[in-house]
Amino acid sequence: MAFGYPSMSFVGIPIPVPSAGSTGFGLRTAVDRDAPAVLEHYRQLSPDDRRMRFCATMGPAALERHVERIGSRGGVVLLAFDRPRFQAPFLRHGAVRAVAELVGTGREMELGISVDAGLRRRGLGTELVETAAHLLGLRGVRSIRAYTLPGNRSFLGLARTAGATIDAGADEVEVTFDVAPLRLGYLRRRAENAFRLGR
């Protein structure tokens, strides 16, 4: 079910959520040449949304530094982007709509995630987090930690639905996900999709 080129870089399957000018979303790991598209995604976020994502104010220069070597600096970076209307070799995907970055070593990784404002609460963030958990679980990672601000309702809703532990302070919220149930969610979704395709 991968689409576009190079199809071998795709993980998961296209996400059947329609958006303007596309037939849904594709999901794959990032490579270094995705840096301009990821940068544009971050630029399109509102200042408040960028503060939610980074727990800090990020100016243009800081954003440019952040996306350098986005696909080769370790960890896992997953992108969701508009998939093209037609499947064909060498067909380019559309804009990046969501990014999940996971960094760290050992059995715990730290997550930073952002989703375009108009696409929240539609399962896109959950798709990214579950897929990342599956990939990281294969590496022996057992937990994923994230930090955000108290006003980040969409991410905190995702965390509650996933059964994460939420430690809310006055200025910052710490969220801890157990990788095992996230992986089960990923595998369950893949099995359901495979069953639908086989009917």
Protein backbone atom coordinates (compact mmCIF):
# COMPACT_ATOMS: atom_id res chain seq x y z
CA MET A 1 0.00 0.00 0.00
CA ALA A 2 2.97 2.34 -0.11
CA PHE A 3 2.69 5.06 -2.70
CA GLY A 4 5.00 7.44 -4.46
CA TYR A 5 8.76 7.08 -4.64
CA PRO A 6 10.81 5.69 -2.98
CA SER A 7 8.16 3.34 -1.66
CA MET A 8 10.67 1.32 0.37
CA SER A 9 11.02 4.21 2.83
CA PHE A 10 7.37 4.04 3.88
CA VAL A 11 6.24 2.50 7.15
CA GLY A 12 2.64 1.80 8.00
CA ILE A 13 0.13 2.43 5.24
CA PRO A 14 -1.53 5.57 3.87
CA ILE A 15 -3.92 7.12 6.36
CA PRO A 16 -7.44 7.46 4.91
CA VAL A 17 -8.12 10.98 6.17
CA PRO A 18 -9.07 13.30 3.29
CA SER A 19 -7.66 16.81 2.97
CA ALA A 20 -7.84 19.53 0.37
CA GLY A 21 -6.06 18.53 -2.82
CA SER A 22 -5.24 14.99 -1.73
CA THR A 23 -6.75 11.58 -1.03
CA GLY A 24 -5.40 11.20 2.49
CA PHE A 25 -1.99 11.07 4.13
CA GLY A 26 1.18 9.07 3.73
CA LEU A 27 3.50 8.16 6.56
CA ARG A 28 7.22 7.48 6.38
CA THR A 29 10.51 8.07 8.15
CA ALA A 30 12.29 11.33 7.39
CA VAL A 31 15.43 11.72 5.29
CA ASP A 32 17.73 14.74 5.21
CA ARG A 33 16.22 16.14 2.02
CA ASP A 34 12.89 16.50 3.89
CA ALA A 35 14.36 19.37 5.95
CA PRO A 36 12.79 22.20 3.86
CA ALA A 37 9.33 20.59 4.03
CA VAL A 38 9.62 20.03 7.79
CA LEU A 39 10.80 23.63 8.23
CA GLU A 40 7.78 24.89 6.29
CA HIS A 41 5.50 22.80 8.53
CA TYR A 42 6.98 24.42 11.63
CA ARG A 43 6.73 27.87 10.07
CA GLN A 44 3.02 27.32 9.37
CA LEU A 45 2.30 26.63 13.03
CA SER A 46 1.06 29.57 15.06
CA PRO A 47 3.47 31.06 17.64
CA ASP A 48 1.40 29.44 20.40
CA ASP A 49 1.52 26.04 18.69
CA ARG A 50 5.31 26.28 18.31
CA ARG A 51 5.60 27.03 22.03
CA MET A 52 3.45 23.97 22.74
CA ARG A 53 5.71 21.84 20.56
CA PHE A 54 9.09 23.09 21.77
CA CYS A 55 8.20 24.46 25.23
CA ALA A 56 10.12 27.56 24.11
CA THR A 57 9.96 30.43 21.65
CA MET A 58 11.65 29.35 18.41
CA GLY A 59 12.75 32.07 16.01
CA PRO A 60 13.53 31.52 12.30
CA ALA A 61 17.23 30.76 12.86
CA ALA A 62 16.48 28.30 15.66
CA LEU A 63 13.96 26.46 13.48
CA GLU A 64 16.47 26.22 10.63
CA ARG A 65 19.08 24.75 12.98
CA HIS A 66 16.53 22.32 14.39
CA VAL A 67 15.73 20.70 11.03
CA GLU A 68 19.37 20.27 9.92
CA ARG A 69 20.13 16.59 9.25
CA ILE A 70 16.54 15.76 10.20
CA GLY A 71 16.86 12.23 8.87
CA SER A 72 20.35 11.25 9.99
CA ARG A 73 20.94 12.53 13.52
CA GLY A 74 19.69 9.45 15.33
CA GLY A 75 16.38 8.52 16.88
CA VAL A 76 13.22 8.24 14.80
CA VAL A 77 11.51 11.03 12.87
CA LEU A 78 8.15 10.25 11.25
CA LEU A 79 6.36 12.50 8.77
CA ALA A 80 2.72 12.56 7.70
CA PHE A 81 2.10 14.35 4.43
CA ASP A 82 -0.51 14.80 1.75
CA ARG A 83 -0.48 11.81 -0.52
CA PRO A 84 -0.89 12.45 -4.24
CA ARG A 85 -4.17 11.81 -6.02
CA PHE A 86 -2.68 9.10 -8.23
CA GLN A 87 -0.18 6.31 -7.56
CA ALA A 88 2.71 6.39 -10.01
CA PRO A 89 6.50 6.05 -9.90
CA PHE A 90 8.39 9.26 -9.10
CA LEU A 91 5.20 11.05 -8.02
CA ARG A 92 6.02 13.66 -5.38
CA HIS A 93 4.10 13.83 -2.13
CA GLY A 94 2.48 17.01 -0.88
CA ALA A 95 3.07 19.19 2.17
CA VAL A 96 4.17 17.78 5.53
CA ARG A 97 1.15 17.93 7.87
CA ALA A 98 2.54 16.35 11.04
CA VAL A 99 5.94 15.49 12.51
CA ALA A 100 6.90 13.16 15.37
CA GLU A 101 10.53 13.39 16.52
CA LEU A 102 11.91 10.88 19.03
CA VAL A 103 15.41 11.17 20.44
CA GLY A 104 17.33 9.53 23.24
CA THR A 105 19.27 6.43 24.16
CA GLY A 106 18.61 3.24 26.06
CA ARG A 107 15.12 2.18 27.07
CA GLU A 108 13.50 5.63 27.04
CA MET A 109 13.04 8.18 24.25
CA GLU A 110 11.73 11.73 24.29
CA LEU A 111 8.91 12.73 21.94
CA GLY A 112 8.14 16.03 20.24
CA ILE A 113 5.07 16.09 18.01
CA SER A 114 3.19 18.67 15.96
CA VAL A 115 0.10 18.42 13.77
CA ASP A 116 -1.41 21.08 11.52
CA ALA A 117 -4.12 22.96 13.41
CA GLY A 118 -6.94 21.91 11.09
CA LEU A 119 -6.12 18.21 11.34
CA ARG A 120 -6.05 17.65 15.09
CA ARG A 121 -8.30 15.21 16.97
CA ARG A 122 -8.64 13.05 13.84
CA GLY A 123 -6.22 10.27 14.73
CA LEU A 124 -3.15 11.55 12.90
CA GLY A 125 -1.10 12.13 16.05
CA THR A 126 -2.10 8.74 17.43
CA GLU A 127 -1.05 7.09 14.17
CA LEU A 128 2.38 8.69 14.41
CA VAL A 129 2.91 7.86 18.09
CA GLU A 130 1.80 4.23 17.72
CA THR A 131 3.97 3.69 14.65
CA ALA A 132 6.97 5.27 16.37
CA ALA A 133 6.38 3.06 19.42
CA HIS A 134 6.36 -0.03 17.21
CA LEU A 135 9.67 0.92 15.59
CA LEU A 136 11.25 1.82 18.92
CA GLY A 137 9.96 -1.31 20.64
CA LEU A 138 11.96 -3.35 18.15
CA ARG A 139 15.04 -1.53 19.49
CA GLY A 140 14.26 -2.36 23.11
CA VAL A 141 12.74 1.00 24.06
CA ARG A 142 10.19 0.64 26.86
CA SER A 143 8.87 4.15 27.47
CA ILE A 144 8.39 7.46 25.66
CA ARG A 145 8.47 10.75 27.55
CA ALA A 146 7.12 14.09 26.35
CA TYR A 147 6.94 17.62 27.72
CA THR A 148 4.39 20.23 26.79
CA LEU A 149 2.49 23.21 28.19
CA PRO A 150 -0.78 22.95 30.15
CA GLY A 151 -2.81 24.45 27.30
CA ASN A 152 -1.96 21.71 24.78
CA ARG A 153 -5.40 20.09 24.91
CA SER A 154 -5.11 18.02 21.74
CA PHE A 155 -1.87 16.32 22.81
CA LEU A 156 -3.08 15.78 26.38
CA GLY A 157 -6.26 14.23 24.96
CA LEU A 158 -4.11 11.87 22.87
CA ALA A 159 -2.09 10.99 25.98
CA ARG A 160 -5.18 10.24 28.08
CA THR A 161 -6.66 8.05 25.35
CA ALA A 162 -3.36 6.14 25.14
CA GLY A 163 -3.33 5.56 28.91
CA ALA A 164 -0.20 7.64 29.47
CA THR A 165 0.85 8.94 32.87
CA ILE A 166 0.36 12.71 33.04
CA ASP A 167 2.19 14.81 35.63
CA ALA A 168 0.84 18.35 35.35
CA GLY A 169 2.73 21.25 36.89
CA ALA A 170 1.90 24.93 36.86
CA ASP A 171 4.13 25.70 33.86
CA GLU A 172 4.88 22.35 32.25
CA VAL A 173 3.27 18.93 31.78
CA GLU A 174 5.29 15.70 31.70
CA VAL A 175 3.73 12.76 29.86
CA THR A 176 5.03 9.20 29.98
CA PHE A 177 3.82 6.56 27.51
CA ASP A 178 4.30 2.83 27.95
CA VAL A 179 5.52 1.49 24.60
CA ALA A 180 3.86 -1.94 24.93
CA PRO A 181 0.18 -0.84 24.65
CA LEU A 182 1.07 1.60 21.88
CA ARG A 183 2.63 -1.25 19.92
CA LEU A 184 -0.50 -3.32 20.46
CA GLY A 185 -2.55 -0.44 19.08
CA TYR A 186 -0.30 -0.28 16.02
CA LEU A 187 -0.51 -4.05 15.40
CA ARG A 188 -4.28 -4.07 15.92
CA ARG A 189 -4.71 -1.26 13.40
CA ARG A 190 -2.51 -3.04 10.85
CA ALA A 191 -4.50 -6.26 11.29
CA GLU A 192 -7.80 -4.41 10.87
CA ASN A 193 -6.53 -2.69 7.73
CA ALA A 194 -5.29 -5.99 6.30
CA PHE A 195 -8.68 -7.60 7.00
CA ARG A 196 -10.52 -4.78 5.24
CA LEU A 197 -8.19 -5.02 2.23
CA GLY A 198 -8.76 -8.78 2.04
CA ARG A 199 -12.55 -8.60 2.04
